[in-house]
Amino acid sequence: MNQIGDELPITEVGEWVLKKHERLRKYIDITRATRRKYVQGRGGAAYIDLFCGSGRARIRETGQIIDGSPLVAFKSAAAGKVPFSEIHIADLDSKHCDAAAQRISSAGGKAFRYVGRAEDTAQQIVSKLNPEGLHFAFLDPFNLESLAFEAIRSLARLKRIDLLLHVSSQDIQRNLDRYSASELRPSTVLRRAGGQK
């Protein structure tokens, strides 16, 4: 049993995660009025998290147990009285995805779960969403390599989609040379997106 009283896994993170979650809360708060129009209308407003983790984490520096991004998003929207009409979570690790879904359920919500690479789960999620809705995707990959551009391309097919992308500056600093020499170069991304070379 872990420190939060259940048998579900938790991940370990650095203190910087608190700033990241504060940005997520602020986005959800400032878009509440617009989201309400879609939640009350026919389109809906879904939350999408392609790297959901286990839904809970321990801060390595302090030992503090905190909610992960899917729970932060779910609880923030509910606290603002405009909950998302759907929650779609995905992760490469099936145990983490299951844990996040169970924790959302324990908090009073329901999550649709997907297991696999981000480029595959993004496509599956997009196929399930109402194309007339206003949807929000929080993309927080473990490293830049985990975020295939195809995942962003799939999400961009939606008529109305907001993306909040968190990229670790430490990952970029550690791996800049390798990323620069790989197909992750900006020119490659532009070609894939149909932009100029």
N, C-alpha and C. Protein backbone atom coordinates (compact mmCIF):
# COMPACT_ATOMS: atom_id res chain seq x y z
N MET A 1 0.85 -1.19 0.00
CA MET A 1 0.00 0.00 0.00
C MET A 1 0.89 1.24 0.00
N ASN A 2 0.52 2.25 -0.80
CA ASN A 2 1.32 3.47 -0.83
C ASN A 2 0.84 4.45 0.23
N GLN A 3 1.46 5.61 0.28
CA GLN A 3 1.17 6.59 1.33
C GLN A 3 -0.22 7.23 1.24
N ILE A 4 -0.91 7.04 0.13
CA ILE A 4 -2.23 7.67 0.02
C ILE A 4 -3.35 6.68 0.29
N GLY A 5 -2.98 5.49 0.79
CA GLY A 5 -4.00 4.56 1.28
C GLY A 5 -4.66 3.69 0.24
N ASP A 6 -4.10 3.58 -0.95
CA ASP A 6 -4.66 2.64 -1.92
C ASP A 6 -3.53 1.79 -2.50
N GLU A 7 -3.88 0.84 -3.30
CA GLU A 7 -2.89 -0.07 -3.87
C GLU A 7 -2.42 0.39 -5.25
N LEU A 8 -2.85 1.55 -5.66
CA LEU A 8 -2.55 2.03 -7.00
C LEU A 8 -1.16 2.66 -7.07
N PRO A 9 -0.52 2.59 -8.23
CA PRO A 9 0.83 3.17 -8.34
C PRO A 9 0.81 4.69 -8.30
N ILE A 10 1.92 5.25 -7.86
CA ILE A 10 2.12 6.69 -7.95
C ILE A 10 3.49 6.93 -8.59
N THR A 11 3.64 8.09 -9.20
CA THR A 11 4.91 8.41 -9.86
C THR A 11 5.68 9.42 -9.00
N GLU A 12 6.96 9.54 -9.27
CA GLU A 12 7.78 10.50 -8.56
C GLU A 12 8.11 11.65 -9.50
N VAL A 13 7.97 12.87 -9.00
CA VAL A 13 8.18 14.07 -9.82
C VAL A 13 8.99 15.10 -9.05
N GLY A 14 9.48 16.09 -9.76
CA GLY A 14 10.19 17.20 -9.12
C GLY A 14 9.22 18.31 -8.71
N GLU A 15 9.70 19.24 -7.89
CA GLU A 15 8.85 20.33 -7.38
C GLU A 15 8.30 21.22 -8.49
N TRP A 16 8.98 21.26 -9.64
CA TRP A 16 8.53 22.08 -10.76
C TRP A 16 7.12 21.74 -11.21
N VAL A 17 6.66 20.52 -10.88
CA VAL A 17 5.33 20.10 -11.33
C VAL A 17 4.24 21.01 -10.76
N LEU A 18 4.49 21.63 -9.61
CA LEU A 18 3.49 22.51 -9.01
C LEU A 18 3.21 23.72 -9.90
N LYS A 19 4.25 24.27 -10.53
CA LYS A 19 4.06 25.40 -11.45
C LYS A 19 3.30 24.95 -12.69
N LYS A 20 3.62 23.77 -13.18
CA LYS A 20 2.94 23.23 -14.36
C LYS A 20 1.45 23.06 -14.06
N HIS A 21 1.12 22.52 -12.90
CA HIS A 21 -0.29 22.32 -12.55
C HIS A 21 -1.01 23.64 -12.32
N GLU A 22 -0.28 24.63 -11.83
CA GLU A 22 -0.90 25.95 -11.65
C GLU A 22 -1.28 26.54 -13.01
N ARG A 23 -0.44 26.36 -14.01
CA ARG A 23 -0.78 26.84 -15.37
C ARG A 23 -2.00 26.10 -15.91
N LEU A 24 -2.07 24.81 -15.65
CA LEU A 24 -3.22 24.02 -16.10
C LEU A 24 -4.51 24.52 -15.43
N ARG A 25 -4.44 24.76 -14.13
CA ARG A 25 -5.62 25.28 -13.41
C ARG A 25 -6.05 26.64 -13.97
N LYS A 26 -5.06 27.51 -14.24
CA LYS A 26 -5.39 28.84 -14.75
C LYS A 26 -6.06 28.76 -16.11
N TYR A 27 -5.56 27.88 -16.98
CA TYR A 27 -6.20 27.73 -18.29
C TYR A 27 -7.66 27.31 -18.11
N ILE A 28 -7.88 26.32 -17.27
CA ILE A 28 -9.24 25.79 -17.07
C ILE A 28 -10.15 26.86 -16.49
N ASP A 29 -9.61 27.69 -15.61
CA ASP A 29 -10.40 28.76 -15.02
C ASP A 29 -10.74 29.85 -16.04
N ILE A 30 -9.75 30.30 -16.81
CA ILE A 30 -10.01 31.42 -17.72
C ILE A 30 -10.87 31.03 -18.92
N THR A 31 -11.00 29.73 -19.18
CA THR A 31 -11.84 29.29 -20.31
C THR A 31 -13.22 28.79 -19.86
N ARG A 32 -13.53 28.99 -18.59
CA ARG A 32 -14.79 28.47 -18.03
C ARG A 32 -16.02 28.99 -18.76
N ALA A 33 -16.09 30.28 -19.00
CA ALA A 33 -17.29 30.85 -19.63
C ALA A 33 -17.49 30.31 -21.05
N THR A 34 -16.40 30.21 -21.79
CA THR A 34 -16.51 29.68 -23.15
C THR A 34 -16.86 28.21 -23.12
N ARG A 35 -16.23 27.46 -22.21
CA ARG A 35 -16.52 26.02 -22.10
C ARG A 35 -18.00 25.78 -21.77
N ARG A 36 -18.57 26.65 -20.92
CA ARG A 36 -19.97 26.49 -20.53
C ARG A 36 -20.90 26.48 -21.76
N LYS A 37 -20.60 27.33 -22.75
CA LYS A 37 -21.44 27.40 -23.95
C LYS A 37 -21.47 26.06 -24.68
N TYR A 38 -20.35 25.36 -24.68
CA TYR A 38 -20.28 24.08 -25.40
C TYR A 38 -20.79 22.92 -24.55
N VAL A 39 -20.56 22.99 -23.24
CA VAL A 39 -21.06 21.94 -22.35
C VAL A 39 -22.59 21.98 -22.34
N GLN A 40 -23.16 23.18 -22.33
CA GLN A 40 -24.62 23.31 -22.31
C GLN A 40 -25.22 23.15 -23.70
N GLY A 41 -24.41 23.28 -24.73
CA GLY A 41 -24.89 23.10 -26.10
C GLY A 41 -24.75 21.65 -26.53
N ARG A 42 -24.69 21.43 -27.82
CA ARG A 42 -24.64 20.05 -28.32
C ARG A 42 -23.23 19.55 -28.57
N GLY A 43 -22.25 20.45 -28.62
CA GLY A 43 -20.90 20.02 -29.00
C GLY A 43 -20.09 19.37 -27.89
N GLY A 44 -20.30 19.83 -26.66
CA GLY A 44 -19.52 19.31 -25.56
C GLY A 44 -18.12 19.91 -25.50
N ALA A 45 -17.44 19.62 -24.41
CA ALA A 45 -16.07 20.10 -24.20
C ALA A 45 -15.29 19.00 -23.50
N ALA A 46 -14.44 18.32 -24.24
CA ALA A 46 -13.70 17.19 -23.70
C ALA A 46 -12.31 17.61 -23.25
N TYR A 47 -11.82 16.95 -22.21
CA TYR A 47 -10.43 17.08 -21.76
C TYR A 47 -9.68 15.85 -22.27
N ILE A 48 -8.50 16.09 -22.84
CA ILE A 48 -7.68 15.02 -23.42
C ILE A 48 -6.30 15.08 -22.78
N ASP A 49 -5.81 13.95 -22.30
CA ASP A 49 -4.47 13.88 -21.71
C ASP A 49 -3.79 12.62 -22.26
N LEU A 50 -2.84 12.80 -23.17
CA LEU A 50 -2.20 11.66 -23.83
C LEU A 50 -1.07 11.04 -23.02
N PHE A 51 -0.67 11.72 -21.94
CA PHE A 51 0.42 11.22 -21.08
C PHE A 51 -0.05 11.32 -19.63
N CYS A 52 -1.12 10.63 -19.29
CA CYS A 52 -1.84 10.88 -18.03
C CYS A 52 -1.10 10.41 -16.79
N GLY A 53 -0.18 9.47 -16.92
CA GLY A 53 0.47 8.94 -15.71
C GLY A 53 -0.53 8.24 -14.83
N SER A 54 -0.24 8.12 -13.55
CA SER A 54 -1.09 7.34 -12.64
C SER A 54 -2.16 8.18 -11.94
N GLY A 55 -2.14 9.47 -12.14
CA GLY A 55 -3.14 10.33 -11.50
C GLY A 55 -2.73 10.86 -10.14
N ARG A 56 -1.68 10.34 -9.58
CA ARG A 56 -1.12 10.85 -8.32
C ARG A 56 0.40 10.78 -8.40
N ALA A 57 1.06 11.67 -7.67
CA ALA A 57 2.52 11.70 -7.71
C ALA A 57 3.08 12.11 -6.35
N ARG A 58 4.30 11.73 -6.12
CA ARG A 58 5.04 12.13 -4.92
C ARG A 58 6.15 13.08 -5.34
N ILE A 59 6.22 14.24 -4.71
CA ILE A 59 7.30 15.19 -5.00
C ILE A 59 8.57 14.69 -4.31
N ARG A 60 9.58 14.44 -5.10
CA ARG A 60 10.78 13.78 -4.56
C ARG A 60 11.49 14.62 -3.51
N GLU A 61 11.45 15.95 -3.65
CA GLU A 61 12.17 16.80 -2.70
C GLU A 61 11.49 16.88 -1.33
N THR A 62 10.17 16.75 -1.30
CA THR A 62 9.43 16.96 -0.04
C THR A 62 8.65 15.73 0.42
N GLY A 63 8.40 14.79 -0.48
CA GLY A 63 7.57 13.63 -0.12
C GLY A 63 6.08 13.92 -0.20
N GLN A 64 5.70 15.16 -0.54
CA GLN A 64 4.29 15.53 -0.63
C GLN A 64 3.60 14.74 -1.74
N ILE A 65 2.38 14.24 -1.46
CA ILE A 65 1.58 13.53 -2.45
C ILE A 65 0.61 14.53 -3.08
N ILE A 66 0.60 14.57 -4.41
CA ILE A 66 -0.26 15.52 -5.12
C ILE A 66 -1.05 14.80 -6.21
N ASP A 67 -2.10 15.45 -6.69
CA ASP A 67 -2.84 14.94 -7.83
C ASP A 67 -2.00 15.10 -9.09
N GLY A 68 -2.17 14.18 -10.03
CA GLY A 68 -1.57 14.31 -11.35
C GLY A 68 -2.47 15.15 -12.25
N SER A 69 -1.99 15.42 -13.45
CA SER A 69 -2.70 16.34 -14.34
C SER A 69 -4.16 15.96 -14.64
N PRO A 70 -4.51 14.66 -14.84
CA PRO A 70 -5.92 14.39 -15.13
C PRO A 70 -6.85 14.74 -13.96
N LEU A 71 -6.37 14.51 -12.73
CA LEU A 71 -7.19 14.86 -11.56
C LEU A 71 -7.20 16.37 -11.33
N VAL A 72 -6.08 17.02 -11.57
CA VAL A 72 -6.04 18.48 -11.46
C VAL A 72 -7.07 19.09 -12.41
N ALA A 73 -7.08 18.62 -13.65
CA ALA A 73 -8.02 19.15 -14.65
C ALA A 73 -9.46 18.85 -14.26
N PHE A 74 -9.74 17.61 -13.89
CA PHE A 74 -11.10 17.22 -13.52
C PHE A 74 -11.61 18.05 -12.34
N LYS A 75 -10.80 18.14 -11.29
CA LYS A 75 -11.22 18.84 -10.08
C LYS A 75 -11.33 20.35 -10.31
N SER A 76 -10.43 20.91 -11.11
CA SER A 76 -10.48 22.35 -11.38
C SER A 76 -11.75 22.73 -12.14
N ALA A 77 -12.08 21.95 -13.15
CA ALA A 77 -13.30 22.22 -13.92
C ALA A 77 -14.54 22.06 -13.06
N ALA A 78 -14.56 21.02 -12.22
CA ALA A 78 -15.71 20.79 -11.34
C ALA A 78 -15.84 21.91 -10.31
N ALA A 79 -14.71 22.37 -9.76
CA ALA A 79 -14.74 23.46 -8.77
C ALA A 79 -15.27 24.75 -9.38
N GLY A 80 -15.02 24.95 -10.68
CA GLY A 80 -15.52 26.13 -11.38
C GLY A 80 -16.94 25.98 -11.86
N LYS A 81 -17.56 24.85 -11.51
CA LYS A 81 -18.96 24.54 -11.84
C LYS A 81 -19.22 24.39 -13.33
N VAL A 82 -18.16 24.15 -14.12
CA VAL A 82 -18.31 23.85 -15.54
C VAL A 82 -17.41 22.65 -15.86
N PRO A 83 -17.84 21.46 -15.42
CA PRO A 83 -17.00 20.28 -15.66
C PRO A 83 -16.92 19.94 -17.15
N PHE A 84 -15.85 19.29 -17.52
CA PHE A 84 -15.73 18.81 -18.89
C PHE A 84 -16.83 17.80 -19.16
N SER A 85 -17.34 17.79 -20.38
CA SER A 85 -18.39 16.84 -20.72
C SER A 85 -17.84 15.42 -20.85
N GLU A 86 -16.55 15.30 -21.19
CA GLU A 86 -15.89 14.00 -21.28
C GLU A 86 -14.44 14.15 -20.87
N ILE A 87 -13.89 13.08 -20.31
CA ILE A 87 -12.47 13.01 -19.97
C ILE A 87 -11.88 11.84 -20.74
N HIS A 88 -10.85 12.09 -21.54
CA HIS A 88 -10.17 11.04 -22.31
C HIS A 88 -8.71 11.03 -21.89
N ILE A 89 -8.27 9.92 -21.30
CA ILE A 89 -6.89 9.82 -20.83
C ILE A 89 -6.19 8.66 -21.52
N ALA A 90 -4.90 8.83 -21.70
CA ALA A 90 -4.11 7.79 -22.37
C ALA A 90 -2.70 7.76 -21.78
N ASP A 91 -2.08 6.60 -21.88
CA ASP A 91 -0.70 6.45 -21.44
C ASP A 91 -0.15 5.18 -22.07
N LEU A 92 1.15 5.12 -22.21
CA LEU A 92 1.81 3.93 -22.72
C LEU A 92 1.76 2.80 -21.71
N ASP A 93 1.71 3.16 -20.42
CA ASP A 93 1.70 2.19 -19.32
C ASP A 93 0.25 1.91 -18.91
N SER A 94 -0.21 0.68 -19.13
CA SER A 94 -1.61 0.35 -18.85
C SER A 94 -1.94 0.45 -17.37
N LYS A 95 -0.99 0.11 -16.48
CA LYS A 95 -1.25 0.20 -15.04
C LYS A 95 -1.44 1.65 -14.61
N HIS A 96 -0.65 2.55 -15.17
CA HIS A 96 -0.81 3.96 -14.84
C HIS A 96 -2.14 4.49 -15.37
N CYS A 97 -2.48 4.11 -16.58
CA CYS A 97 -3.74 4.57 -17.17
C CYS A 97 -4.94 4.07 -16.36
N ASP A 98 -4.89 2.80 -15.96
CA ASP A 98 -5.95 2.24 -15.12
C ASP A 98 -6.06 2.97 -13.79
N ALA A 99 -4.90 3.27 -13.18
CA ALA A 99 -4.89 3.96 -11.89
C ALA A 99 -5.50 5.35 -12.02
N ALA A 100 -5.12 6.09 -13.07
CA ALA A 100 -5.68 7.43 -13.27
C ALA A 100 -7.19 7.36 -13.46
N ALA A 101 -7.66 6.40 -14.24
CA ALA A 101 -9.10 6.25 -14.47
C ALA A 101 -9.83 5.93 -13.16
N GLN A 102 -9.24 5.05 -12.34
CA GLN A 102 -9.86 4.71 -11.05
C GLN A 102 -9.90 5.91 -10.12
N ARG A 103 -8.85 6.70 -10.15
CA ARG A 103 -8.81 7.87 -9.27
C ARG A 103 -9.81 8.95 -9.71
N ILE A 104 -9.99 9.10 -10.99
CA ILE A 104 -11.02 10.02 -11.48
C ILE A 104 -12.40 9.51 -11.07
N SER A 105 -12.61 8.22 -11.17
CA SER A 105 -13.88 7.62 -10.76
C SER A 105 -14.12 7.85 -9.26
N SER A 106 -13.09 7.66 -8.45
CA SER A 106 -13.22 7.89 -7.00
C SER A 106 -13.53 9.34 -6.68
N ALA A 107 -13.10 10.25 -7.56
CA ALA A 107 -13.38 11.68 -7.36
C ALA A 107 -14.74 12.09 -7.90
N GLY A 108 -15.47 11.13 -8.48
CA GLY A 108 -16.82 11.42 -8.96
C GLY A 108 -16.96 11.57 -10.46
N GLY A 109 -15.92 11.28 -11.20
CA GLY A 109 -15.97 11.42 -12.65
C GLY A 109 -15.90 10.08 -13.38
N LYS A 110 -15.82 10.17 -14.67
CA LYS A 110 -15.66 8.98 -15.50
C LYS A 110 -14.68 9.32 -16.61
N ALA A 111 -13.71 8.44 -16.80
CA ALA A 111 -12.71 8.68 -17.83
C ALA A 111 -12.73 7.56 -18.85
N PHE A 112 -12.63 7.92 -20.11
CA PHE A 112 -12.42 6.94 -21.17
C PHE A 112 -10.91 6.75 -21.26
N ARG A 113 -10.44 5.51 -21.24
CA ARG A 113 -9.01 5.26 -21.18
C ARG A 113 -8.51 4.57 -22.45
N TYR A 114 -7.27 4.90 -22.80
CA TYR A 114 -6.63 4.36 -24.00
C TYR A 114 -5.18 4.04 -23.64
N VAL A 115 -4.70 2.91 -24.12
CA VAL A 115 -3.33 2.53 -23.82
C VAL A 115 -2.56 2.44 -25.13
N GLY A 116 -1.41 3.08 -25.18
CA GLY A 116 -0.58 3.01 -26.37
C GLY A 116 0.21 4.28 -26.59
N ARG A 117 0.89 4.33 -27.73
CA ARG A 117 1.69 5.49 -28.09
C ARG A 117 0.77 6.69 -28.37
N ALA A 118 1.28 7.87 -28.11
CA ALA A 118 0.47 9.09 -28.24
C ALA A 118 -0.10 9.25 -29.64
N GLU A 119 0.68 8.92 -30.67
CA GLU A 119 0.17 9.08 -32.03
C GLU A 119 -1.00 8.16 -32.33
N ASP A 120 -1.04 6.99 -31.68
CA ASP A 120 -2.14 6.05 -31.87
C ASP A 120 -3.36 6.44 -31.04
N THR A 121 -3.12 6.77 -29.76
CA THR A 121 -4.25 7.11 -28.90
C THR A 121 -4.90 8.43 -29.30
N ALA A 122 -4.12 9.37 -29.81
CA ALA A 122 -4.71 10.64 -30.28
C ALA A 122 -5.71 10.38 -31.38
N GLN A 123 -5.35 9.52 -32.30
CA GLN A 123 -6.24 9.18 -33.41
C GLN A 123 -7.52 8.52 -32.91
N GLN A 124 -7.39 7.61 -31.96
CA GLN A 124 -8.56 6.93 -31.39
C GLN A 124 -9.48 7.91 -30.68
N ILE A 125 -8.89 8.80 -29.91
CA ILE A 125 -9.68 9.78 -29.15
C ILE A 125 -10.42 10.72 -30.09
N VAL A 126 -9.73 11.24 -31.08
CA VAL A 126 -10.36 12.18 -32.03
C VAL A 126 -11.56 11.53 -32.71
N SER A 127 -11.47 10.26 -33.01
CA SER A 127 -12.58 9.57 -33.69
C SER A 127 -13.82 9.45 -32.80
N LYS A 128 -13.64 9.60 -31.48
CA LYS A 128 -14.77 9.47 -30.54
C LYS A 128 -15.41 10.81 -30.17
N LEU A 129 -14.73 11.91 -30.48
CA LEU A 129 -15.21 13.21 -30.03
C LEU A 129 -16.24 13.82 -30.97
N ASN A 130 -17.10 14.65 -30.39
CA ASN A 130 -18.05 15.41 -31.18
C ASN A 130 -17.27 16.47 -31.96
N PRO A 131 -17.34 16.46 -33.29
CA PRO A 131 -16.55 17.42 -34.07
C PRO A 131 -17.00 18.87 -33.89
N GLU A 132 -18.17 19.08 -33.31
CA GLU A 132 -18.67 20.44 -33.10
C GLU A 132 -18.31 20.99 -31.72
N GLY A 133 -17.62 20.21 -30.91
CA GLY A 133 -17.29 20.63 -29.56
C GLY A 133 -16.08 21.54 -29.49
N LEU A 134 -15.81 22.02 -28.28
CA LEU A 134 -14.60 22.78 -27.98
C LEU A 134 -13.78 21.90 -27.06
N HIS A 135 -12.68 21.38 -27.55
CA HIS A 135 -11.92 20.40 -26.80
C HIS A 135 -10.57 20.96 -26.37
N PHE A 136 -10.02 20.37 -25.32
CA PHE A 136 -8.76 20.83 -24.74
C PHE A 136 -7.84 19.65 -24.50
N ALA A 137 -6.64 19.72 -25.05
CA ALA A 137 -5.65 18.66 -24.86
C ALA A 137 -4.46 19.20 -24.08
N PHE A 138 -4.13 18.50 -23.01
CA PHE A 138 -2.94 18.81 -22.23
C PHE A 138 -1.89 17.76 -22.60
N LEU A 139 -0.78 18.21 -23.17
CA LEU A 139 0.27 17.30 -23.64
C LEU A 139 1.52 17.52 -22.79
N ASP A 140 1.86 16.51 -22.02
CA ASP A 140 2.98 16.61 -21.08
C ASP A 140 3.84 15.35 -21.20
N PRO A 141 4.58 15.22 -22.30
CA PRO A 141 5.39 14.01 -22.49
C PRO A 141 6.57 13.95 -21.53
N PHE A 142 7.00 12.73 -21.24
CA PHE A 142 8.17 12.52 -20.38
C PHE A 142 9.39 13.17 -21.01
N ASN A 143 9.49 13.08 -22.33
CA ASN A 143 10.55 13.76 -23.07
C ASN A 143 10.02 14.08 -24.46
N LEU A 144 10.74 14.92 -25.17
CA LEU A 144 10.27 15.39 -26.48
C LEU A 144 10.13 14.24 -27.47
N GLU A 145 10.97 13.23 -27.33
CA GLU A 145 10.89 12.07 -28.23
C GLU A 145 9.55 11.35 -28.13
N SER A 146 8.92 11.38 -26.95
CA SER A 146 7.66 10.67 -26.74
C SER A 146 6.49 11.31 -27.47
N LEU A 147 6.66 12.56 -27.89
CA LEU A 147 5.56 13.28 -28.55
C LEU A 147 5.78 13.29 -30.06
N ALA A 148 5.25 12.30 -30.72
CA ALA A 148 5.33 12.26 -32.18
C ALA A 148 4.45 13.36 -32.77
N PHE A 149 4.94 14.00 -33.81
CA PHE A 149 4.18 15.08 -34.43
C PHE A 149 2.82 14.59 -34.94
N GLU A 150 2.73 13.31 -35.26
CA GLU A 150 1.47 12.75 -35.76
C GLU A 150 0.35 12.89 -34.72
N ALA A 151 0.70 12.86 -33.43
CA ALA A 151 -0.31 13.05 -32.38
C ALA A 151 -0.90 14.45 -32.46
N ILE A 152 -0.05 15.45 -32.64
CA ILE A 152 -0.53 16.83 -32.76
C ILE A 152 -1.34 17.00 -34.04
N ARG A 153 -0.88 16.38 -35.12
CA ARG A 153 -1.61 16.46 -36.39
C ARG A 153 -3.03 15.89 -36.24
N SER A 154 -3.17 14.76 -35.53
CA SER A 154 -4.49 14.17 -35.32
C SER A 154 -5.39 15.10 -34.54
N LEU A 155 -4.87 15.68 -33.45
CA LEU A 155 -5.67 16.61 -32.65
C LEU A 155 -6.05 17.86 -33.44
N ALA A 156 -5.15 18.31 -34.30
CA ALA A 156 -5.39 19.52 -35.09
C ALA A 156 -6.51 19.34 -36.12
N ARG A 157 -6.92 18.12 -36.36
CA ARG A 157 -8.03 17.88 -37.29
C ARG A 157 -9.37 18.29 -36.69
N LEU A 158 -9.41 18.44 -35.38
CA LEU A 158 -10.64 18.88 -34.73
C LEU A 158 -10.91 20.34 -35.09
N LYS A 159 -12.17 20.67 -35.21
CA LYS A 159 -12.57 22.03 -35.60
C LYS A 159 -12.16 23.05 -34.55
N ARG A 160 -12.35 22.70 -33.28
CA ARG A 160 -12.01 23.60 -32.16
C ARG A 160 -11.23 22.81 -31.13
N ILE A 161 -9.94 23.08 -31.05
CA ILE A 161 -9.09 22.38 -30.08
C ILE A 161 -8.06 23.36 -29.53
N ASP A 162 -7.94 23.41 -28.22
CA ASP A 162 -6.88 24.17 -27.56
C ASP A 162 -5.85 23.15 -27.08
N LEU A 163 -4.58 23.49 -27.25
CA LEU A 163 -3.49 22.63 -26.81
C LEU A 163 -2.65 23.37 -25.78
N LEU A 164 -2.35 22.72 -24.68
CA LEU A 164 -1.38 23.22 -23.72
C LEU A 164 -0.27 22.19 -23.68
N LEU A 165 0.89 22.56 -24.17
CA LEU A 165 2.01 21.64 -24.31
C LEU A 165 3.10 22.00 -23.31
N HIS A 166 3.48 21.02 -22.50
CA HIS A 166 4.56 21.21 -21.55
C HIS A 166 5.76 20.41 -22.02
N VAL A 167 6.87 21.09 -22.26
CA VAL A 167 8.10 20.43 -22.67
C VAL A 167 9.16 20.73 -21.61
N SER A 168 9.81 19.71 -21.13
CA SER A 168 10.82 19.86 -20.10
C SER A 168 12.07 20.55 -20.65
N SER A 169 12.41 21.68 -20.07
CA SER A 169 13.63 22.37 -20.50
C SER A 169 14.86 21.55 -20.16
N GLN A 170 14.81 20.78 -19.08
CA GLN A 170 15.94 19.92 -18.72
C GLN A 170 16.16 18.84 -19.77
N ASP A 171 15.07 18.28 -20.28
CA ASP A 171 15.19 17.27 -21.34
C ASP A 171 15.84 17.89 -22.58
N ILE A 172 15.40 19.08 -22.94
CA ILE A 172 15.95 19.74 -24.13
C ILE A 172 17.43 20.06 -23.92
N GLN A 173 17.78 20.55 -22.73
CA GLN A 173 19.19 20.86 -22.45
C GLN A 173 20.05 19.60 -22.51
N ARG A 174 19.56 18.51 -21.93
CA ARG A 174 20.33 17.26 -21.91
C ARG A 174 20.49 16.66 -23.29
N ASN A 175 19.47 16.80 -24.13
CA ASN A 175 19.44 16.06 -25.39
C ASN A 175 19.43 16.94 -26.63
N LEU A 176 19.78 18.21 -26.49
CA LEU A 176 19.70 19.14 -27.61
C LEU A 176 20.50 18.66 -28.81
N ASP A 177 21.71 18.20 -28.59
CA ASP A 177 22.54 17.75 -29.71
C ASP A 177 21.89 16.57 -30.43
N ARG A 178 21.38 15.63 -29.66
CA ARG A 178 20.75 14.45 -30.27
C ARG A 178 19.48 14.84 -31.01
N TYR A 179 18.64 15.71 -30.41
CA TYR A 179 17.42 16.14 -31.08
C TYR A 179 17.75 16.93 -32.35
N SER A 180 18.79 17.76 -32.29
CA SER A 180 19.17 18.57 -33.45
C SER A 180 19.61 17.70 -34.62
N ALA A 181 20.22 16.56 -34.31
CA ALA A 181 20.72 15.68 -35.36
C ALA A 181 19.67 14.69 -35.84
N SER A 182 18.51 14.69 -35.20
CA SER A 182 17.48 13.69 -35.53
C SER A 182 16.39 14.30 -36.39
N GLU A 183 15.35 13.51 -36.61
CA GLU A 183 14.22 13.99 -37.40
C GLU A 183 13.32 14.93 -36.62
N LEU A 184 13.69 15.27 -35.37
CA LEU A 184 12.92 16.22 -34.59
C LEU A 184 13.29 17.66 -34.91
N ARG A 185 14.19 17.88 -35.88
CA ARG A 185 14.58 19.24 -36.26
C ARG A 185 13.35 20.06 -36.67
N PRO A 186 13.33 21.35 -36.37
CA PRO A 186 12.18 22.20 -36.74
C PRO A 186 11.85 22.14 -38.22
N SER A 187 12.85 22.03 -39.09
CA SER A 187 12.56 21.99 -40.52
C SER A 187 11.76 20.74 -40.88
N THR A 188 12.05 19.63 -40.18
CA THR A 188 11.31 18.40 -40.42
C THR A 188 9.87 18.55 -39.95
N VAL A 189 9.70 19.18 -38.78
CA VAL A 189 8.35 19.40 -38.26
C VAL A 189 7.55 20.25 -39.22
N LEU A 190 8.15 21.32 -39.77
CA LEU A 190 7.45 22.18 -40.72
C LEU A 190 7.05 21.42 -41.99
N ARG A 191 7.97 20.58 -42.48
CA ARG A 191 7.63 19.81 -43.70
C ARG A 191 6.46 18.88 -43.42
N ARG A 192 6.49 18.24 -42.25
CA ARG A 192 5.39 17.32 -41.91
C ARG A 192 4.07 18.05 -41.77
N ALA A 193 4.14 19.30 -41.29
CA ALA A 193 2.91 20.07 -41.10
C ALA A 193 2.44 20.73 -42.39
N GLY A 194 3.23 20.60 -43.45
CA GLY A 194 2.83 21.21 -44.71
C GLY A 194 3.33 22.63 -44.85
N GLY A 195 4.27 23.04 -43.96
CA GLY A 195 4.81 24.40 -44.03
C GLY A 195 5.98 24.47 -44.99
N GLN A 196 6.67 25.58 -44.96
CA GLN A 196 7.80 25.79 -45.86
C GLN A 196 9.02 25.04 -45.35
N LYS A 197 9.90 24.69 -46.27
CA LYS A 197 11.14 24.00 -45.88
C LYS A 197 12.15 25.00 -45.37
